[in-house]
């Protein structure tokens, strides 16, 4: 059974930076797509960024382009470097893995941007 574990969330001031990590355990199929989603209070979950298993193709939400960077160390580990953070970036960030017809979610990590 595949499990995803996120880390790296926390409290940061506006303009600051955070780096989120996601580690996958278990048997993972390839090719796959891993990504980060976020859900703010009272809002729907939205895609932030995703990356293919080879790491060659990435996608970003318009709201984070130029500020966030998704990267991949290997088939099991992805990262999200978040710079120039804004209060609107406050949300629970979830790691997601898709391969074949399977989809797995992490438990989420809270990012709070506040002075």
C-alpha atoms as a PDB file:
ATOM      1  CA  UNK A   1       0.000   0.000   0.000  1.00  0.00           C
ATOM      2  CA  UNK A   2       1.370   3.370  -1.036  1.00  0.00           C
ATOM      3  CA  UNK A   3       1.587   6.087   1.588  1.00  0.00           C
ATOM      4  CA  UNK A   4       2.602   9.738   1.221  1.00  0.00           C
ATOM      5  CA  UNK A   5       4.120  11.759   4.043  1.00  0.00           C
ATOM      6  CA  UNK A   6       4.480  15.533   3.797  1.00  0.00           C
ATOM      7  CA  UNK A   7       6.746  17.743   5.875  1.00  0.00           C
ATOM      8  CA  UNK A   8       8.009  21.293   5.946  1.00  0.00           C
ATOM      9  CA  UNK A   9       4.927  23.325   6.707  1.00  0.00           C
ATOM     10  CA  UNK A  10       4.822  26.036   9.322  1.00  0.00           C
ATOM     11  CA  UNK A  11       4.375  29.706  10.054  1.00  0.00           C
ATOM     12  CA  UNK A  12       6.199  32.229   7.901  1.00  0.00           C
ATOM     13  CA  UNK A  13       5.986  35.969   7.423  1.00  0.00           C
ATOM     14  CA  UNK A  14       4.821  37.494   4.140  1.00  0.00           C
ATOM     15  CA  UNK A  15       7.690  37.534   1.666  1.00  0.00           C
ATOM     16  CA  UNK A  16       9.318  34.541   3.306  1.00  0.00           C
ATOM     17  CA  UNK A  17      10.085  31.063   2.010  1.00  0.00           C
ATOM     18  CA  UNK A  18       9.287  27.466   2.872  1.00  0.00           C
ATOM     19  CA  UNK A  19      10.231  24.133   1.347  1.00  0.00           C
ATOM     20  CA  UNK A  20       7.757  21.274   1.454  1.00  0.00           C
ATOM     21  CA  UNK A  21       8.796  17.654   1.050  1.00  0.00           C
ATOM     22  CA  UNK A  22       6.769  14.570   0.167  1.00  0.00           C
ATOM     23  CA  UNK A  23       8.039  11.018   0.513  1.00  0.00           C
ATOM     24  CA  UNK A  24       6.230   8.013  -0.923  1.00  0.00           C
ATOM     25  CA  UNK A  25       6.520   4.493   0.473  1.00  0.00           C
ATOM     26  CA  UNK A  26       5.338   1.190  -0.923  1.00  0.00           C
ATOM     27  CA  UNK A  27       5.233  -0.079  -4.472  1.00  0.00           C
ATOM     28  CA  UNK A  28       4.855   2.816  -6.878  1.00  0.00           C
ATOM     29  CA  UNK A  29       3.963   2.430 -10.500  1.00  0.00           C
ATOM     30  CA  UNK A  30       5.649   4.310 -13.287  1.00  0.00           C
ATOM     31  CA  UNK A  31       4.988   6.416 -15.156  1.00  0.00           C
ATOM     32  CA  UNK A  32       3.248   8.514 -12.551  1.00  0.00           C
ATOM     33  CA  UNK A  33       2.353  12.082 -11.765  1.00  0.00           C
ATOM     34  CA  UNK A  34       3.029  13.633  -8.368  1.00  0.00           C
ATOM     35  CA  UNK A  35       1.870  17.020  -7.283  1.00  0.00           C
ATOM     36  CA  UNK A  36       0.896  19.475  -4.608  1.00  0.00           C
ATOM     37  CA  UNK A  37      -2.630  20.640  -3.934  1.00  0.00           C
ATOM     38  CA  UNK A  38      -3.836  23.088  -1.313  1.00  0.00           C
ATOM     39  CA  UNK A  39      -7.063  23.833   0.470  1.00  0.00           C
ATOM     40  CA  UNK A  40      -7.706  27.089   2.267  1.00  0.00           C
ATOM     41  CA  UNK A  41     -10.490  27.448   4.845  1.00  0.00           C
ATOM     42  CA  UNK A  42     -13.862  27.647   3.125  1.00  0.00           C
ATOM     43  CA  UNK A  43     -12.393  26.983  -0.321  1.00  0.00           C
ATOM     44  CA  UNK A  44     -12.120  23.995  -2.621  1.00  0.00           C
ATOM     45  CA  UNK A  45      -8.921  22.024  -2.959  1.00  0.00           C
ATOM     46  CA  UNK A  46      -6.866  23.297  -5.890  1.00  0.00           C
ATOM     47  CA  UNK A  47      -3.839  22.140  -7.822  1.00  0.00           C
ATOM     48  CA  UNK A  48      -0.670  24.081  -7.029  1.00  0.00           C
ATOM     49  CA  UNK A  49       1.922  22.244  -9.119  1.00  0.00           C
ATOM     50  CA  UNK A  50       2.650  18.800 -10.521  1.00  0.00           C
ATOM     51  CA  UNK A  51       5.544  16.917 -12.073  1.00  0.00           C
ATOM     52  CA  UNK A  52       5.915  13.785 -14.162  1.00  0.00           C
ATOM     53  CA  UNK A  53       7.836  10.752 -12.917  1.00  0.00           C
ATOM     54  CA  UNK A  54      10.755  11.564 -15.191  1.00  0.00           C
ATOM     55  CA  UNK A  55      10.758  15.104 -13.889  1.00  0.00           C
ATOM     56  CA  UNK A  56      10.720  16.563 -17.344  1.00  0.00           C
ATOM     57  CA  UNK A  57       7.259  18.117 -17.355  1.00  0.00           C
ATOM     58  CA  UNK A  58       5.894  20.442 -14.714  1.00  0.00           C
ATOM     59  CA  UNK A  59       2.706  22.442 -14.364  1.00  0.00           C
ATOM     60  CA  UNK A  60       1.768  25.339 -12.110  1.00  0.00           C
ATOM     61  CA  UNK A  61      -1.304  27.237 -11.067  1.00  0.00           C
ATOM     62  CA  UNK A  62      -1.237  30.796 -12.389  1.00  0.00           C
ATOM     63  CA  UNK A  63      -1.300  32.152  -8.856  1.00  0.00           C
ATOM     64  CA  UNK A  64       2.065  30.581  -7.967  1.00  0.00           C
ATOM     65  CA  UNK A  65       3.985  30.846 -11.243  1.00  0.00           C
ATOM     66  CA  UNK A  66       7.327  32.536 -10.738  1.00  0.00           C
ATOM     67  CA  UNK A  67       7.189  32.046  -6.958  1.00  0.00           C
ATOM     68  CA  UNK A  68       6.917  28.277  -6.438  1.00  0.00           C
ATOM     69  CA  UNK A  69       9.118  25.565  -7.906  1.00  0.00           C
ATOM     70  CA  UNK A  70       8.307  21.860  -7.896  1.00  0.00           C
ATOM     71  CA  UNK A  71      11.160  19.383  -8.189  1.00  0.00           C
ATOM     72  CA  UNK A  72      11.727  15.670  -7.972  1.00  0.00           C
ATOM     73  CA  UNK A  73      14.678  13.776  -6.495  1.00  0.00           C
ATOM     74  CA  UNK A  74      13.516  10.370  -7.703  1.00  0.00           C
ATOM     75  CA  UNK A  75      10.320   8.410  -8.260  1.00  0.00           C
ATOM     76  CA  UNK A  76       9.443   8.656  -4.530  1.00  0.00           C
ATOM     77  CA  UNK A  77      10.379  12.154  -3.415  1.00  0.00           C
ATOM     78  CA  UNK A  78       9.152  15.541  -4.533  1.00  0.00           C
ATOM     79  CA  UNK A  79       9.605  19.040  -3.156  1.00  0.00           C
ATOM     80  CA  UNK A  80       7.890  22.390  -3.383  1.00  0.00           C
ATOM     81  CA  UNK A  81      10.053  25.471  -2.919  1.00  0.00           C
ATOM     82  CA  UNK A  82       7.797  28.373  -2.053  1.00  0.00           C
ATOM     83  CA  UNK A  83       9.217  31.888  -2.234  1.00  0.00           C
ATOM     84  CA  UNK A  84       7.667  35.329  -1.863  1.00  0.00           C
ATOM     85  CA  UNK A  85       4.860  33.846   0.161  1.00  0.00           C
ATOM     86  CA  UNK A  86       1.642  35.793   0.546  1.00  0.00           C
ATOM     87  CA  UNK A  87      -1.162  35.565   3.112  1.00  0.00           C
ATOM     88  CA  UNK A  88      -3.346  34.101   0.323  1.00  0.00           C
ATOM     89  CA  UNK A  89      -0.974  31.103   0.219  1.00  0.00           C
ATOM     90  CA  UNK A  90      -2.184  30.062   3.664  1.00  0.00           C
ATOM     91  CA  UNK A  91      -3.679  26.589   3.349  1.00  0.00           C
ATOM     92  CA  UNK A  92      -3.218  22.920   4.076  1.00  0.00           C
ATOM     93  CA  UNK A  93      -0.918  21.545   1.388  1.00  0.00           C
ATOM     94  CA  UNK A  94      -1.448  17.972   0.239  1.00  0.00           C
ATOM     95  CA  UNK A  95       0.848  15.704  -1.706  1.00  0.00           C
ATOM     96  CA  UNK A  96      -0.814  13.642  -4.440  1.00  0.00           C
ATOM     97  CA  UNK A  97       0.315  10.648  -6.483  1.00  0.00           C
ATOM     98  CA  UNK A  98      -1.429   9.291  -9.570  1.00  0.00           C
ATOM     99  CA  UNK A  99      -0.464   6.195 -11.550  1.00  0.00           C
ATOM    100  CA  UNK A 100      -2.719   4.101 -13.726  1.00  0.00           C
ATOM    101  CA  UNK A 101      -6.181   4.284 -12.161  1.00  0.00           C
ATOM    102  CA  UNK A 102      -4.774   4.747  -8.646  1.00  0.00           C
ATOM    103  CA  UNK A 103      -4.648   7.965  -6.675  1.00  0.00           C
ATOM    104  CA  UNK A 104      -3.104   8.513  -3.242  1.00  0.00           C
ATOM    105  CA  UNK A 105      -3.208  11.541  -0.929  1.00  0.00           C
ATOM    106  CA  UNK A 106      -1.014  12.533   1.953  1.00  0.00           C
ATOM    107  CA  UNK A 107      -2.361  13.757   5.269  1.00  0.00           C
ATOM    108  CA  UNK A 108      -1.483  17.383   4.553  1.00  0.00           C
ATOM    109  CA  UNK A 109       0.812  19.966   6.090  1.00  0.00           C
ATOM    110  CA  UNK A 110      -0.322  23.407   7.212  1.00  0.00           C
ATOM    111  CA  UNK A 111       1.310  26.519   5.789  1.00  0.00           C
ATOM    112  CA  UNK A 112       0.422  29.795   7.475  1.00  0.00           C
ATOM    113  CA  UNK A 113       1.624  33.090   6.044  1.00  0.00           C
ATOM    114  CA  UNK A 114       1.107  35.861   8.550  1.00  0.00           C
ATOM    115  CA  UNK A 115       2.911  38.723  10.211  1.00  0.00           C
END
